[in-house]
C-alpha atoms as a PDB file:
ATOM      1  CA  MET A   1     -24.658 -60.765  48.691  1.00  0.00           C
ATOM      2  CA  ASN A   2     -26.431 -57.495  48.100  1.00  0.00           C
ATOM      3  CA  GLU A   3     -29.529 -57.511  45.896  1.00  0.00           C
ATOM      4  CA  PHE A   4     -27.978 -55.986  42.780  1.00  0.00           C
ATOM      5  CA  ASP A   5     -24.306 -55.478  43.466  1.00  0.00           C
ATOM      6  CA  TYR A   6     -22.825 -55.737  39.999  1.00  0.00           C
ATOM      7  CA  GLN A   7     -19.470 -54.644  41.467  1.00  0.00           C
ATOM      8  CA  GLN A   8     -19.097 -58.179  42.848  1.00  0.00           C
ATOM      9  CA  ILE A   9     -18.813 -59.645  39.341  1.00  0.00           C
ATOM     10  CA  ASP A  10     -15.292 -60.889  38.574  1.00  0.00           C
ATOM     11  CA  ASP A  11     -14.003 -58.562  35.824  1.00  0.00           C
ATOM     12  CA  LEU A  12     -11.374 -61.093  34.835  1.00  0.00           C
ATOM     13  CA  ILE A  13     -14.031 -63.652  33.903  1.00  0.00           C
ATOM     14  CA  HIS A  14     -16.548 -61.099  32.597  1.00  0.00           C
ATOM     15  CA  SER A  15     -14.654 -60.520  29.355  1.00  0.00           C
ATOM     16  CA  ARG A  16     -16.525 -62.235  26.511  1.00  0.00           C
ATOM     17  CA  ILE A  17     -13.652 -64.478  25.411  1.00  0.00           C
ATOM     18  CA  ARG A  18     -12.477 -65.333  28.931  1.00  0.00           C
ATOM     19  CA  LEU A  19     -16.054 -66.161  29.935  1.00  0.00           C
ATOM     20  CA  ALA A  20     -16.336 -68.441  26.900  1.00  0.00           C
ATOM     21  CA  VAL A  21     -13.022 -70.126  27.788  1.00  0.00           C
ATOM     22  CA  MET A  22     -14.092 -70.690  31.391  1.00  0.00           C
ATOM     23  CA  ALA A  23     -17.479 -72.075  30.312  1.00  0.00           C
ATOM     24  CA  ALA A  24     -15.878 -74.310  27.679  1.00  0.00           C
ATOM     25  CA  LEU A  25     -13.303 -75.741  30.090  1.00  0.00           C
ATOM     26  CA  THR A  26     -16.013 -76.267  32.713  1.00  0.00           C
ATOM     27  CA  THR A  27     -17.998 -78.267  30.176  1.00  0.00           C
ATOM     28  CA  MET A  28     -15.201 -80.080  28.309  1.00  0.00           C
ATOM     29  CA  GLY A  29     -12.563 -80.486  30.977  1.00  0.00           C
ATOM     30  CA  PRO A  30      -8.923 -80.170  29.925  1.00  0.00           C
ATOM     31  CA  ALA A  31      -8.625 -79.057  26.307  1.00  0.00           C
ATOM     32  CA  SER A  32      -5.989 -78.197  23.751  1.00  0.00           C
ATOM     33  CA  PHE A  33      -5.394 -74.688  22.510  1.00  0.00           C
ATOM     34  CA  SER A  34      -6.780 -75.636  19.100  1.00  0.00           C
ATOM     35  CA  LEU A  35      -9.987 -77.102  20.573  1.00  0.00           C
ATOM     36  CA  ILE A  36     -10.533 -74.017  22.735  1.00  0.00           C
ATOM     37  CA  LYS A  37      -9.849 -71.805  19.703  1.00  0.00           C
ATOM     38  CA  THR A  38     -12.418 -73.682  17.626  1.00  0.00           C
ATOM     39  CA  THR A  39     -14.982 -73.691  20.436  1.00  0.00           C
ATOM     40  CA  VAL A  40     -14.583 -70.018  21.323  1.00  0.00           C
ATOM     41  CA  GLY A  41     -14.043 -68.755  17.774  1.00  0.00           C
ATOM     42  CA  ALA A  42     -11.102 -66.493  18.628  1.00  0.00           C
ATOM     43  CA  THR A  43      -7.910 -65.799  16.715  1.00  0.00           C
ATOM     44  CA  ASP A  44      -4.629 -67.335  17.901  1.00  0.00           C
ATOM     45  CA  GLY A  45      -3.237 -64.048  19.163  1.00  0.00           C
ATOM     46  CA  ASN A  46      -6.408 -62.886  20.887  1.00  0.00           C
ATOM     47  CA  LEU A  47      -6.982 -66.239  22.556  1.00  0.00           C
ATOM     48  CA  SER A  48      -3.348 -66.415  23.714  1.00  0.00           C
ATOM     49  CA  VAL A  49      -3.662 -63.066  25.495  1.00  0.00           C
ATOM     50  CA  HIS A  50      -6.861 -64.113  27.284  1.00  0.00           C
ATOM     51  CA  LEU A  51      -5.498 -67.532  28.260  1.00  0.00           C
ATOM     52  CA  ARG A  52      -2.378 -65.888  29.657  1.00  0.00           C
ATOM     53  CA  LYS A  53      -4.483 -63.543  31.820  1.00  0.00           C
ATOM     54  CA  LEU A  54      -6.442 -66.496  33.203  1.00  0.00           C
ATOM     55  CA  GLU A  55      -3.207 -68.388  33.810  1.00  0.00           C
ATOM     56  CA  GLU A  56      -1.608 -65.405  35.596  1.00  0.00           C
ATOM     57  CA  ALA A  57      -4.665 -65.250  37.886  1.00  0.00           C
ATOM     58  CA  ASP A  58      -4.207 -68.978  38.597  1.00  0.00           C
ATOM     59  CA  TYR A  59      -7.656 -69.716  37.137  1.00  0.00           C
ATOM     60  CA  LEU A  60      -6.151 -72.270  34.770  1.00  0.00           C
ATOM     61  CA  ASN A  61      -2.887 -74.014  34.177  1.00  0.00           C
ATOM     62  CA  VAL A  62      -1.255 -75.210  31.009  1.00  0.00           C
ATOM     63  CA  ASP A  63       0.724 -78.337  30.262  1.00  0.00           C
ATOM     64  CA  LYS A  64       2.983 -77.806  27.252  1.00  0.00           C
ATOM     65  CA  SER A  65       4.453 -80.769  25.441  1.00  0.00           C
ATOM     66  CA  PHE A  66       5.333 -82.013  21.986  1.00  0.00           C
ATOM     67  CA  ILE A  67       3.439 -84.628  20.010  1.00  0.00           C
ATOM     68  CA  ASP A  68       5.044 -85.687  16.726  1.00  0.00           C
ATOM     69  CA  ARG A  69       7.405 -82.716  17.067  1.00  0.00           C
ATOM     70  CA  LYS A  70       4.481 -80.299  17.239  1.00  0.00           C
ATOM     71  CA  PRO A  71       3.887 -78.171  20.333  1.00  0.00           C
ATOM     72  CA  VAL A  72       0.652 -78.998  22.157  1.00  0.00           C
ATOM     73  CA  SER A  73      -0.776 -76.927  25.013  1.00  0.00           C
ATOM     74  CA  ILE A  74      -3.454 -78.473  27.221  1.00  0.00           C
ATOM     75  CA  TYR A  75      -5.397 -76.070  29.451  1.00  0.00           C
ATOM     76  CA  LYS A  76      -7.205 -77.075  32.617  1.00  0.00           C
ATOM     77  CA  LEU A  77      -9.128 -75.088  35.213  1.00  0.00           C
ATOM     78  CA  THR A  78      -7.555 -74.932  38.654  1.00  0.00           C
ATOM     79  CA  LYS A  79      -9.545 -75.218  41.868  1.00  0.00           C
ATOM     80  CA  LYS A  80      -9.288 -71.444  42.195  1.00  0.00           C
ATOM     81  CA  GLY A  81     -10.637 -71.075  38.641  1.00  0.00           C
ATOM     82  CA  ILE A  82     -13.538 -73.452  39.275  1.00  0.00           C
ATOM     83  CA  ASP A  83     -14.419 -71.636  42.485  1.00  0.00           C
ATOM     84  CA  ALA A  84     -14.184 -68.236  40.758  1.00  0.00           C
ATOM     85  CA  PHE A  85     -16.408 -69.386  37.884  1.00  0.00           C
ATOM     86  CA  ASN A  86     -19.001 -70.868  40.247  1.00  0.00           C
ATOM     87  CA  THR A  87     -19.034 -67.632  42.261  1.00  0.00           C
ATOM     88  CA  TYR A  88     -19.385 -65.631  39.036  1.00  0.00           C
ATOM     89  CA  ILE A  89     -22.423 -67.707  38.022  1.00  0.00           C
ATOM     90  CA  LEU A  90     -23.951 -67.358  41.507  1.00  0.00           C
ATOM     91  CA  TYR A  91     -23.632 -63.566  41.370  1.00  0.00           C
ATOM     92  CA  LEU A  92     -25.291 -63.475  37.952  1.00  0.00           C
ATOM     93  CA  GLU A  93     -28.105 -65.735  39.113  1.00  0.00           C
ATOM     94  CA  HIS A  94     -28.577 -63.592  42.196  1.00  0.00           C
ATOM     95  CA  MET A  95     -28.909 -60.478  40.030  1.00  0.00           C
ATOM     96  CA  LEU A  96     -31.627 -62.018  37.867  1.00  0.00           C
ATOM     97  CA  PRO A  97     -35.264 -61.703  38.845  1.00  0.00           C
ATOM     98  CA  SER A  98     -36.717 -64.744  40.539  1.00  0.00           C
ATOM     99  CA  LYS A  99     -39.810 -64.686  38.332  1.00  0.00           C
ATOM    100  CA  GLU A 100     -40.369 -64.171  34.645  1.00  0.00           C
ATOM    101  CA  ILE A 101     -40.195 -60.615  33.392  1.00  0.00           C
ATOM    102  CA  GLU A 102     -43.543 -59.452  32.097  1.00  0.00           C
ATOM    103  CA  GLY A 103     -43.440 -57.347  29.002  1.00  0.00           C
END
């Protein structure tokens, strides 16, 4: 890794909502659409678009089913998604100064 190579940051994860989704799923494990929506604070439509992008990149997968005749979508990070998120965090940590910033 270069000292300050911001170009290495994964643009797919770097979006505010997608970053929040990845962090939430890392912390919570598999979660329903409604739980992710509440945690992230996004609208249905906006969250759906971001989840679809993460799913298309194979960063997460979704299990759709019905409970009491209501559709339920459970999202879970894939191995590729976990690896991508860990790499994202490593790049950010590498870009930060190793000592406190004096001001």
